[in-house]
N, C-alpha and C. Protein backbone atom coordinates (compact mmCIF):
# COMPACT_ATOMS: atom_id res chain seq x y z
N UNK A 1 16.80 -2.52 -9.86
CA UNK A 1 15.50 -3.02 -9.99
C UNK A 1 14.94 -1.42 -10.05
N UNK A 2 14.04 -0.74 -10.91
CA UNK A 2 13.17 0.25 -10.72
C UNK A 2 11.77 0.01 -9.96
N UNK A 3 11.23 1.49 -9.34
CA UNK A 3 10.29 1.29 -8.75
C UNK A 3 9.19 1.64 -9.60
N UNK A 4 7.94 1.31 -8.96
CA UNK A 4 6.75 1.74 -9.73
C UNK A 4 6.33 3.31 -9.44
N UNK A 5 6.10 3.78 -10.18
CA UNK A 5 5.53 5.34 -9.76
C UNK A 5 4.13 5.95 -10.04
N UNK A 6 3.54 6.39 -9.31
CA UNK A 6 2.01 6.83 -10.10
C UNK A 6 2.39 8.20 -10.01
N UNK A 7 2.53 8.85 -11.29
CA UNK A 7 2.89 10.61 -11.68
C UNK A 7 1.63 10.65 -11.80
N UNK A 8 0.79 11.89 -11.10
CA UNK A 8 -0.32 12.13 -11.31
C UNK A 8 -0.91 13.19 -11.05
N UNK A 9 -1.61 14.04 -11.78
CA UNK A 9 -3.13 14.98 -11.86
C UNK A 9 -3.82 15.06 -11.00
N UNK A 10 -4.49 15.45 -9.98
CA UNK A 10 -5.95 14.92 -9.54
C UNK A 10 -6.53 16.50 -9.10
N UNK A 11 -7.79 16.62 -9.47
CA UNK A 11 -8.27 17.76 -9.10
C UNK A 11 -8.52 17.81 -7.17
N UNK A 12 -8.97 19.04 -6.60
CA UNK A 12 -8.69 19.04 -5.33
C UNK A 12 -9.77 17.71 -4.78
N UNK A 13 -10.98 17.49 -5.30
CA UNK A 13 -11.93 16.81 -5.07
C UNK A 13 -11.73 15.03 -5.44
N UNK A 14 -10.39 14.97 -5.68
CA UNK A 14 -9.96 13.43 -6.05
C UNK A 14 -9.87 12.78 -7.27
N UNK A 15 -10.31 13.61 -8.18
CA UNK A 15 -10.31 12.87 -9.92
C UNK A 15 -9.23 13.32 -10.73
N UNK A 16 -8.91 12.29 -11.49
CA UNK A 16 -7.78 12.34 -12.36
C UNK A 16 -8.44 12.72 -13.94
N UNK A 17 -9.74 12.52 -13.72
CA UNK A 17 -10.42 13.25 -15.25
C UNK A 17 -11.77 13.16 -14.98
N UNK A 18 -12.37 13.79 -15.52
CA UNK A 18 -13.74 14.37 -15.62
C UNK A 18 -14.62 13.15 -15.99
N UNK A 19 -15.66 13.35 -16.12
CA UNK A 19 -17.17 12.30 -16.68
C UNK A 19 -16.22 12.12 -18.00
N UNK A 20 -16.53 10.69 -18.54
CA UNK A 20 -15.84 10.28 -19.55
C UNK A 20 -14.52 10.35 -20.00
N UNK A 21 -13.92 10.66 -18.95
CA UNK A 21 -12.35 10.67 -18.99
C UNK A 21 -11.78 12.05 -19.66
N UNK A 22 -12.34 13.38 -19.49
CA UNK A 22 -12.10 14.33 -19.81
C UNK A 22 -10.86 14.96 -19.11
N UNK A 23 -9.84 15.43 -19.76
CA UNK A 23 -8.84 15.83 -19.17
C UNK A 23 -8.85 17.51 -19.33
N UNK A 24 -9.51 18.37 -20.24
CA UNK A 24 -9.34 19.36 -20.64
C UNK A 24 -9.25 20.40 -19.73
N UNK A 25 -9.57 19.86 -18.23
CA UNK A 25 -9.51 21.22 -17.14
C UNK A 25 -7.86 21.08 -16.57
N UNK A 26 -7.01 20.12 -17.14
CA UNK A 26 -5.89 20.33 -17.10
C UNK A 26 -5.09 21.25 -17.78
N UNK A 27 -5.87 21.55 -19.25
CA UNK A 27 -5.24 22.57 -19.94
C UNK A 27 -4.32 23.93 -19.80
N UNK A 28 -5.28 24.48 -18.35
CA UNK A 28 -4.86 25.71 -18.27
C UNK A 28 -3.65 25.73 -17.22
N UNK A 29 -3.04 24.71 -17.13
CA UNK A 29 -1.98 24.07 -15.93
C UNK A 29 -0.61 23.84 -16.85
N UNK A 30 -1.15 23.55 -18.52
CA UNK A 30 0.15 22.96 -18.90
C UNK A 30 0.55 24.35 -20.22
N UNK A 31 1.49 24.65 -20.49
CA UNK A 31 2.22 25.41 -21.63
C UNK A 31 2.78 26.26 -20.61
N UNK A 32 3.02 26.33 -19.47
CA UNK A 32 3.17 27.57 -18.45
C UNK A 32 4.70 27.20 -18.95
N UNK A 33 5.57 28.35 -17.94
CA UNK A 33 6.75 28.03 -17.63
C UNK A 33 7.12 27.18 -16.50
N UNK A 34 6.22 26.46 -15.91
CA UNK A 34 6.37 25.69 -15.14
C UNK A 34 5.80 24.11 -15.50
N UNK A 35 6.66 23.19 -15.49
CA UNK A 35 6.37 21.70 -15.83
C UNK A 35 6.06 20.73 -14.87
N UNK A 36 6.12 21.43 -13.59
CA UNK A 36 6.07 20.86 -12.37
C UNK A 36 6.74 19.55 -12.15
N UNK A 37 8.14 19.70 -12.82
CA UNK A 37 9.00 18.32 -12.53
C UNK A 37 8.55 17.32 -13.54
N UNK A 38 7.63 17.52 -14.66
CA UNK A 38 7.49 16.24 -15.49
C UNK A 38 8.62 15.88 -16.39
N UNK A 39 9.49 16.83 -17.22
CA UNK A 39 10.25 16.51 -17.86
C UNK A 39 11.75 15.72 -17.03
N UNK A 40 12.29 16.31 -16.01
CA UNK A 40 13.10 15.47 -15.18
C UNK A 40 12.26 13.89 -15.09
N UNK A 41 11.12 14.25 -14.64
CA UNK A 41 10.67 12.38 -14.18
C UNK A 41 10.65 11.30 -15.30
N UNK A 42 9.81 12.25 -16.40
CA UNK A 42 10.00 11.69 -18.18
C UNK A 42 11.25 11.16 -18.33
N UNK A 43 12.56 11.67 -17.86
CA UNK A 43 13.68 11.57 -18.59
C UNK A 43 14.36 10.17 -17.76
N UNK A 44 13.61 10.28 -16.17
CA UNK A 44 14.34 9.05 -15.22
C UNK A 44 13.57 7.71 -15.47
N UNK A 45 12.56 7.79 -16.31
CA UNK A 45 11.54 6.25 -16.45
C UNK A 45 11.89 5.71 -17.83
N UNK A 46 11.96 4.59 -18.09
CA UNK A 46 12.00 4.18 -19.48
C UNK A 46 11.09 3.34 -20.06
N UNK A 47 10.08 2.93 -19.27
CA UNK A 47 8.83 1.82 -19.17
C UNK A 47 8.10 2.49 -18.53
N UNK A 48 6.95 2.74 -19.32
CA UNK A 48 5.59 2.87 -18.81
C UNK A 48 4.07 1.90 -18.95
N UNK A 49 3.41 2.12 -17.78
CA UNK A 49 2.03 0.86 -17.65
C UNK A 49 1.42 1.79 -17.15
N UNK A 50 -0.10 1.29 -18.26
CA UNK A 50 -1.11 2.20 -18.42
C UNK A 50 -2.49 1.06 -18.57
N UNK A 51 -3.65 1.49 -17.85
CA UNK A 51 -4.66 0.80 -18.42
C UNK A 51 -5.42 1.34 -19.99
N UNK A 52 -6.16 0.38 -20.28
CA UNK A 52 -6.64 0.81 -21.62
C UNK A 52 -7.25 1.83 -22.02
N UNK A 53 -8.26 2.43 -20.80
CA UNK A 53 -8.83 3.99 -21.14
C UNK A 53 -8.12 4.69 -21.05
N UNK A 54 -6.82 4.62 -20.22
CA UNK A 54 -5.97 6.07 -20.51
C UNK A 54 -5.11 6.09 -21.97
N UNK A 55 -4.51 4.40 -22.27
CA UNK A 55 -3.71 4.29 -23.36
C UNK A 55 -4.86 5.21 -24.96
N UNK A 56 -6.49 4.50 -24.89
CA UNK A 56 -7.57 5.14 -25.66
C UNK A 56 -7.36 6.96 -25.48
N UNK A 57 -7.39 7.30 -24.30
CA UNK A 57 -7.08 8.83 -24.01
C UNK A 57 -6.21 9.55 -24.75
N UNK A 58 -4.96 8.71 -24.66
CA UNK A 58 -4.17 9.26 -25.22
C UNK A 58 -3.85 9.27 -26.61
N UNK A 59 -4.06 8.26 -27.64
CA UNK A 59 -4.35 8.13 -28.75
C UNK A 59 -5.30 9.50 -29.15
N UNK A 60 -5.96 9.99 -28.41
CA UNK A 60 -6.85 11.07 -28.95
C UNK A 60 -6.13 12.17 -29.31
N UNK A 61 -5.26 12.26 -28.40
CA UNK A 61 -4.68 13.32 -28.81
C UNK A 61 -3.20 13.41 -29.79
N UNK A 62 -3.45 12.41 -30.48
CA UNK A 62 -2.63 12.88 -31.88
C UNK A 62 -1.36 11.99 -31.51
N UNK A 63 0.10 12.51 -31.91
CA UNK A 63 1.17 11.87 -32.05
C UNK A 63 1.25 11.70 -30.69
N UNK A 64 2.18 10.12 -30.84
CA UNK A 64 2.56 9.71 -29.75
C UNK A 64 3.44 10.29 -28.56
N UNK A 65 2.95 10.42 -27.38
CA UNK A 65 3.99 11.87 -26.66
C UNK A 65 4.95 10.89 -25.96
N UNK A 66 5.36 9.63 -26.22
CA UNK A 66 6.43 9.17 -25.24
C UNK A 66 7.37 8.01 -26.32
N UNK A 67 7.73 8.85 -27.22
CA UNK A 67 8.80 7.88 -27.95
C UNK A 67 9.76 7.40 -27.36
N UNK A 68 10.08 6.20 -27.77
CA UNK A 68 11.79 5.91 -27.19
C UNK A 68 11.02 5.24 -25.57
N UNK A 69 10.12 5.16 -25.04
CA UNK A 69 9.65 4.47 -23.86
C UNK A 69 8.90 3.05 -23.88
N UNK A 70 9.46 2.11 -23.45
CA UNK A 70 8.75 0.82 -23.65
C UNK A 70 7.00 0.96 -22.92
N UNK A 71 6.27 0.87 -23.15
CA UNK A 71 4.81 0.86 -23.00
C UNK A 71 4.06 -0.47 -23.18
N UNK A 72 3.47 -0.68 -21.94
CA UNK A 72 2.64 -1.94 -21.41
C UNK A 72 1.25 -1.51 -21.21
N UNK A 73 0.51 -1.62 -22.00
CA UNK A 73 -0.90 -1.61 -21.62
C UNK A 73 -1.69 -2.90 -21.29
N UNK A 74 -2.37 -2.52 -19.70
CA UNK A 74 -3.10 -3.84 -19.34
C UNK A 74 -4.24 -3.73 -19.63
N UNK A 75 -4.67 -4.87 -20.26
CA UNK A 75 -6.05 -4.89 -21.48
C UNK A 75 -6.48 -6.24 -21.51
N UNK A 76 -8.06 -6.40 -21.82
CA UNK A 76 -8.50 -7.65 -22.10
C UNK A 76 -8.72 -7.32 -23.51
N UNK A 77 -8.93 -6.32 -23.98
CA UNK A 77 -9.65 -5.75 -25.35
C UNK A 77 -8.58 -5.74 -26.37
N UNK A 78 -8.78 -5.87 -27.49
CA UNK A 78 -7.93 -5.72 -28.60
C UNK A 78 -8.07 -4.32 -29.00
N UNK A 79 -6.75 -3.64 -29.11
CA UNK A 79 -6.85 -1.94 -29.25
C UNK A 79 -5.99 -1.60 -30.31
N UNK A 80 -5.87 -0.73 -30.79
CA UNK A 80 -5.00 0.04 -32.27
C UNK A 80 -3.81 0.09 -31.41
N UNK A 81 -2.88 -0.04 -32.82
CA UNK A 81 -1.51 0.21 -32.12
C UNK A 81 -0.98 1.77 -32.38
N UNK A 82 -0.50 2.45 -31.46
CA UNK A 82 -0.20 3.75 -31.53
C UNK A 82 0.87 3.66 -32.56
N UNK A 83 1.25 4.57 -33.59
CA UNK A 83 2.48 4.79 -34.51
C UNK A 83 3.35 5.65 -33.60
N UNK A 84 4.31 4.77 -33.97
CA UNK A 84 5.93 5.46 -33.01
C UNK A 84 5.53 4.85 -31.53
N UNK A 85 4.95 4.00 -31.28
CA UNK A 85 4.78 3.90 -30.07
C UNK A 85 5.34 2.08 -29.73
N UNK A 86 6.24 2.00 -28.45
CA UNK A 86 7.28 0.59 -28.31
C UNK A 86 5.66 0.23 -27.64
N UNK A 87 5.01 -0.58 -27.88
CA UNK A 87 3.67 -1.14 -27.34
C UNK A 87 3.82 -2.53 -27.00
N UNK A 88 3.49 -2.84 -25.75
CA UNK A 88 3.24 -4.34 -25.66
C UNK A 88 1.76 -4.33 -24.79
N UNK A 89 0.82 -5.36 -25.52
CA UNK A 89 -0.37 -5.60 -24.48
C UNK A 89 -0.30 -6.44 -23.54
N UNK A 90 -0.82 -6.75 -22.55
CA UNK A 90 -0.94 -7.49 -21.47
C UNK A 90 -2.03 -8.07 -21.11
N UNK A 91 -2.51 -9.27 -21.17
CA UNK A 91 -3.96 -9.79 -20.58
C UNK A 91 -3.81 -10.27 -19.16
N UNK A 92 -2.55 -10.62 -18.70
CA UNK A 92 -2.34 -10.99 -17.44
C UNK A 92 -2.45 -10.45 -16.19
N UNK A 93 -2.38 -11.04 -14.69
CA UNK A 93 -2.48 -10.43 -14.07
C UNK A 93 -1.47 -9.08 -13.92
N UNK A 94 -1.94 -7.75 -13.10
CA UNK A 94 -0.94 -7.29 -13.21
C UNK A 94 0.54 -7.04 -12.04
N UNK A 95 0.08 -8.17 -11.40
CA UNK A 95 1.34 -8.63 -10.80
C UNK A 95 2.28 -9.12 -11.25
N UNK A 96 2.13 -9.94 -12.48
CA UNK A 96 3.07 -10.82 -13.38
C UNK A 96 3.68 -9.59 -14.15
N UNK A 97 2.57 -8.56 -14.47
CA UNK A 97 3.19 -7.60 -15.53
C UNK A 97 4.33 -6.60 -14.63
N UNK A 98 3.90 -6.37 -13.54
CA UNK A 98 4.60 -5.43 -13.09
C UNK A 98 6.31 -6.50 -12.63
N UNK A 99 6.03 -7.80 -11.92
CA UNK A 99 7.25 -8.56 -11.75
C UNK A 99 7.86 -8.50 -12.86
N UNK A 100 7.51 -8.46 -13.88
CA UNK A 100 8.19 -8.99 -15.13
C UNK A 100 9.01 -7.37 -16.00
N UNK A 101 8.37 -6.09 -15.57
CA UNK A 101 9.03 -5.11 -16.12
C UNK A 101 10.02 -4.61 -15.06
N UNK A 102 9.62 -4.93 -13.82
CA UNK A 102 10.74 -4.39 -12.47
C UNK A 102 12.00 -5.04 -12.58
N UNK A 103 12.03 -6.49 -13.08
CA UNK A 103 12.97 -7.49 -13.38
C UNK A 103 14.31 -6.95 -14.55
N UNK A 104 13.48 -6.32 -15.36
CA UNK A 104 13.99 -5.86 -16.86
C UNK A 104 13.99 -4.55 -16.64
N UNK A 105 14.31 -3.69 -15.86
CA UNK A 105 14.32 -1.94 -15.64
C UNK A 105 14.96 -1.82 -14.57
N UNK A 106 16.34 -0.82 -14.97
CA UNK A 106 17.06 -0.35 -13.82
C UNK A 106 16.31 0.81 -13.58
N UNK A 107 15.89 1.57 -14.35
CA UNK A 107 14.94 3.18 -14.17
C UNK A 107 13.92 2.94 -13.71
N UNK A 108 13.04 3.76 -13.14
CA UNK A 108 11.77 3.63 -12.73
C UNK A 108 10.86 3.61 -13.27
N UNK A 109 9.78 3.02 -13.03
CA UNK A 109 8.48 2.66 -14.07
C UNK A 109 7.41 3.52 -13.81
N UNK A 110 6.45 4.21 -14.79
CA UNK A 110 5.59 5.25 -14.58
C UNK A 110 4.44 4.64 -15.07
N UNK A 111 3.59 4.54 -13.95
CA UNK A 111 2.22 3.97 -13.99
C UNK A 111 1.29 5.36 -14.13
N UNK A 112 1.12 5.30 -15.52
CA UNK A 112 0.40 6.51 -16.22
C UNK A 112 -1.17 6.56 -15.74
N UNK A 113 -1.57 5.41 -15.26
CA UNK A 113 -2.81 5.76 -14.79
C UNK A 113 -3.77 4.42 -15.60
N UNK A 114 -5.28 4.40 -15.25
CA UNK A 114 -5.90 5.02 -14.95
C UNK A 114 -6.22 4.95 -13.19
N UNK A 115 -6.96 5.19 -12.72
CA UNK A 115 -7.42 4.81 -11.38
C UNK A 115 -7.85 3.81 -10.86
N UNK A 116 -8.37 3.04 -11.89
CA UNK A 116 -8.61 1.29 -11.38
C UNK A 116 -7.15 0.62 -11.41
N UNK A 117 -6.30 1.18 -12.28
CA UNK A 117 -5.13 0.17 -12.66
C UNK A 117 -4.42 0.94 -11.31
N UNK A 118 -4.17 1.96 -10.81
CA UNK A 118 -3.77 2.43 -9.56
C UNK A 118 -4.13 1.86 -8.70
N UNK A 119 -5.51 1.52 -8.01
CA UNK A 119 -6.12 1.32 -6.99
C UNK A 119 -5.60 -0.46 -6.45
N UNK A 120 -5.43 -0.90 -7.96
CA UNK A 120 -5.28 -2.31 -7.83
C UNK A 120 -3.99 -2.87 -7.75
N UNK A 121 -2.58 -1.80 -8.23
CA UNK A 121 -1.51 -1.95 -7.95
C UNK A 121 -1.16 -1.62 -6.59
N UNK A 122 -1.89 -0.68 -6.02
CA UNK A 122 -1.68 -0.26 -4.54
C UNK A 122 -2.41 -1.14 -3.62
N UNK A 123 -3.20 -1.70 -4.13
CA UNK A 123 -3.67 -2.83 -3.18
C UNK A 123 -3.07 -4.20 -3.16
N UNK A 124 -2.26 -4.27 -4.29
CA UNK A 124 -1.57 -5.68 -4.16
C UNK A 124 -0.27 -5.22 -3.57
N UNK A 125 0.31 -3.96 -3.13
CA UNK A 125 1.34 -3.78 -2.84
C UNK A 125 2.84 -3.81 -3.82
N UNK A 126 2.11 -3.40 -5.08
CA UNK A 126 3.00 -3.24 -6.06
C UNK A 126 3.56 -2.03 -6.33
N UNK A 127 2.91 -0.87 -5.77
CA UNK A 127 3.04 0.69 -5.86
C UNK A 127 4.34 0.93 -4.89
N UNK A 128 5.29 1.83 -5.36
CA UNK A 128 6.35 2.16 -4.54
C UNK A 128 6.09 3.55 -4.23
N UNK A 129 5.52 4.22 -5.18
CA UNK A 129 5.89 6.01 -5.12
C UNK A 129 4.16 6.36 -5.46
N UNK A 130 4.15 7.56 -5.22
CA UNK A 130 3.16 8.17 -5.39
C UNK A 130 3.65 10.06 -5.87
N UNK A 131 3.36 10.51 -6.79
CA UNK A 131 3.99 11.49 -7.23
C UNK A 131 2.39 12.51 -7.64
N UNK A 132 1.81 12.99 -6.51
CA UNK A 132 0.53 13.63 -6.55
C UNK A 132 0.53 15.40 -6.80
N UNK A 133 -0.09 15.58 -7.86
CA UNK A 133 0.10 17.26 -7.90
C UNK A 133 -1.68 17.61 -7.96
N UNK A 134 -1.97 18.08 -6.92
CA UNK A 134 -3.28 18.48 -6.67
C UNK A 134 -3.63 19.74 -7.23
N UNK A 135 -4.35 19.59 -8.16
CA UNK A 135 -4.93 21.05 -9.02
C UNK A 135 -5.81 22.02 -8.02
N UNK A 136 -5.73 22.96 -8.06
CA UNK A 136 -7.03 23.72 -7.39
C UNK A 136 -8.10 24.26 -8.06
N UNK A 137 -8.87 22.82 -8.51
CA UNK A 137 -9.90 22.83 -9.20
C UNK A 137 -10.89 21.66 -8.62
N UNK A 138 -12.17 22.02 -8.58
CA UNK A 138 -13.21 20.95 -8.30
C UNK A 138 -14.21 20.52 -9.41
N UNK A 139 -14.02 19.32 -9.60
CA UNK A 139 -14.70 18.78 -10.76
C UNK A 139 -16.27 17.91 -10.16
N UNK A 140 -16.05 17.57 -9.09
CA UNK A 140 -17.50 17.12 -8.86
C UNK A 140 -18.02 15.55 -8.85
N UNK A 141 -17.37 15.30 -10.16
CA UNK A 141 -17.19 13.54 -10.53
C UNK A 141 -16.36 13.48 -11.63
N UNK A 142 -16.14 12.15 -12.01
CA UNK A 142 -15.27 11.49 -12.80
C UNK A 142 -14.72 10.24 -12.23
N UNK A 143 -13.37 10.42 -12.83
CA UNK A 143 -12.60 8.99 -12.61
C UNK A 143 -11.26 9.44 -11.54
N UNK A 144 -11.62 8.40 -10.00
CA UNK A 144 -11.06 8.86 -8.92
C UNK A 144 -9.82 8.47 -9.18
N UNK A 145 -9.16 9.31 -8.20
CA UNK A 145 -7.34 8.93 -8.14
C UNK A 145 -6.87 7.28 -7.97
N UNK A 146 -7.51 6.72 -7.05
CA UNK A 146 -7.54 5.41 -7.09
C UNK A 146 -9.17 5.09 -6.83
N UNK A 147 -9.31 3.85 -7.26
CA UNK A 147 -10.43 3.33 -7.39
C UNK A 147 -10.35 1.73 -7.28
N UNK A 148 -11.59 1.19 -6.41
CA UNK A 148 -11.85 -0.28 -6.20
C UNK A 148 -11.01 -0.73 -5.08
N UNK A 149 -10.46 0.11 -4.18
CA UNK A 149 -9.78 -0.28 -3.15
C UNK A 149 -10.74 -0.86 -1.87
N UNK A 150 -10.55 -2.04 -1.58
CA UNK A 150 -11.67 -2.95 -0.69
C UNK A 150 -10.76 -2.71 0.71
N UNK A 151 -9.72 -2.11 1.10
CA UNK A 151 -9.19 -1.79 2.77
C UNK A 151 -8.62 -0.70 2.23
N UNK A 152 -8.54 -0.23 3.74
CA UNK A 152 -7.71 0.83 3.88
C UNK A 152 -6.08 1.23 3.38
N UNK A 153 -5.68 1.79 2.81
CA UNK A 153 -4.47 1.77 2.35
C UNK A 153 -3.73 3.21 2.76
N UNK A 154 -2.39 2.82 2.91
CA UNK A 154 -1.40 3.95 4.09
C UNK A 154 -0.06 4.43 2.74
N UNK A 155 -0.21 5.97 2.82
CA UNK A 155 0.81 6.20 2.27
C UNK A 155 1.84 6.97 3.34
N UNK A 156 3.13 7.16 2.83
CA UNK A 156 4.09 7.83 3.50
C UNK A 156 4.55 9.11 2.98
N UNK A 157 4.17 10.23 3.77
CA UNK A 157 4.73 11.55 3.52
C UNK A 157 6.17 11.71 2.93
N UNK A 158 6.45 11.42 2.03
CA UNK A 158 7.92 12.04 1.47
C UNK A 158 8.28 13.40 0.81
N UNK A 159 7.39 14.61 0.79
CA UNK A 159 7.74 15.85 0.35
C UNK A 159 6.80 16.47 0.24
N UNK A 160 6.61 17.77 -0.38
CA UNK A 160 5.95 18.62 -0.76
C UNK A 160 6.29 19.92 -1.31
N UNK A 161 5.42 20.35 -2.28
CA UNK A 161 6.37 21.56 -3.14
C UNK A 161 5.08 22.15 -3.53
N UNK A 162 4.86 23.67 -3.26
CA UNK A 162 4.01 24.62 -3.37
C UNK A 162 4.38 25.60 -4.72
N UNK A 163 3.51 25.52 -5.81
CA UNK A 163 3.70 26.33 -6.81
C UNK A 163 2.93 27.50 -7.16
N UNK A 164 3.49 28.49 -7.84
CA UNK A 164 2.65 29.80 -7.59
C UNK A 164 1.26 29.85 -8.45
N UNK A 165 0.93 28.34 -9.37
CA UNK A 165 -0.14 28.20 -10.20
C UNK A 165 -1.50 28.01 -9.07
N UNK A 166 -1.07 27.99 -7.68
CA UNK A 166 -1.67 27.05 -7.08
C UNK A 166 -1.59 25.48 -6.84
N UNK A 167 -1.07 24.97 -7.62
CA UNK A 167 -0.61 23.54 -7.54
C UNK A 167 0.20 23.26 -6.58
N UNK A 168 -0.12 22.35 -5.52
CA UNK A 168 0.69 21.42 -4.89
C UNK A 168 0.58 20.13 -5.23
N UNK A 169 2.20 20.10 -5.20
CA UNK A 169 2.68 18.62 -5.40
C UNK A 169 3.25 17.91 -3.82
N UNK A 170 3.04 16.60 -4.07
CA UNK A 170 2.32 15.74 -2.74
C UNK A 170 3.28 14.65 -3.08
N UNK A 171 4.46 14.16 -2.51
CA UNK A 171 5.41 12.87 -2.84
C UNK A 171 5.07 11.95 -1.71
N UNK A 172 4.88 10.75 -1.79
CA UNK A 172 4.64 9.82 -0.61
C UNK A 172 5.20 8.64 -1.14
N UNK A 173 5.30 7.54 -0.05
CA UNK A 173 6.00 6.43 -0.53
C UNK A 173 5.03 5.24 -0.04
N UNK A 174 4.63 4.24 -0.58
CA UNK A 174 3.71 3.30 -0.15
C UNK A 174 4.54 2.33 0.77
N UNK A 175 3.47 1.55 1.43
CA UNK A 175 3.87 0.55 2.62
C UNK A 175 3.43 1.13 3.97
N UNK A 176 3.92 0.06 4.65
CA UNK A 176 3.39 0.18 6.16
C UNK A 176 3.99 1.74 6.74
């Protein structure tokens, strides 16, 4: 059974996107020789889970970037279908969706975002790992890495990688 992994980049002040979901601040870190383990990670997952705002932001990029990956979008709204995507829209509780996906997947499952979905998943004890890439940028405002937490949540350090670009990769496991 696969594990739920939140693989995500955030600014030094804890935002995964700027106001209105802007992620253009990440552009200077993409396209370089360093992919921060992205391709290896992408090859290790067979299923993606994301919130509706993250899904809509991905649609703005044009061509679907995850061909061959089953993608579940947690939403209560009707959304357009991305061409080339293996999509399922889910209105039910995230706990039911995660349980269903985990039972059907031997590979890890990527929790793509956003911050509210990540916070809800962590609060319910459904998140197994966090692979966080801290970018040396301060945004001042935006979409938080985790939102909606009502109680303190602890993560267990599992590793760290420093990159020449100034990015720091932090690995955590969830749980007590």
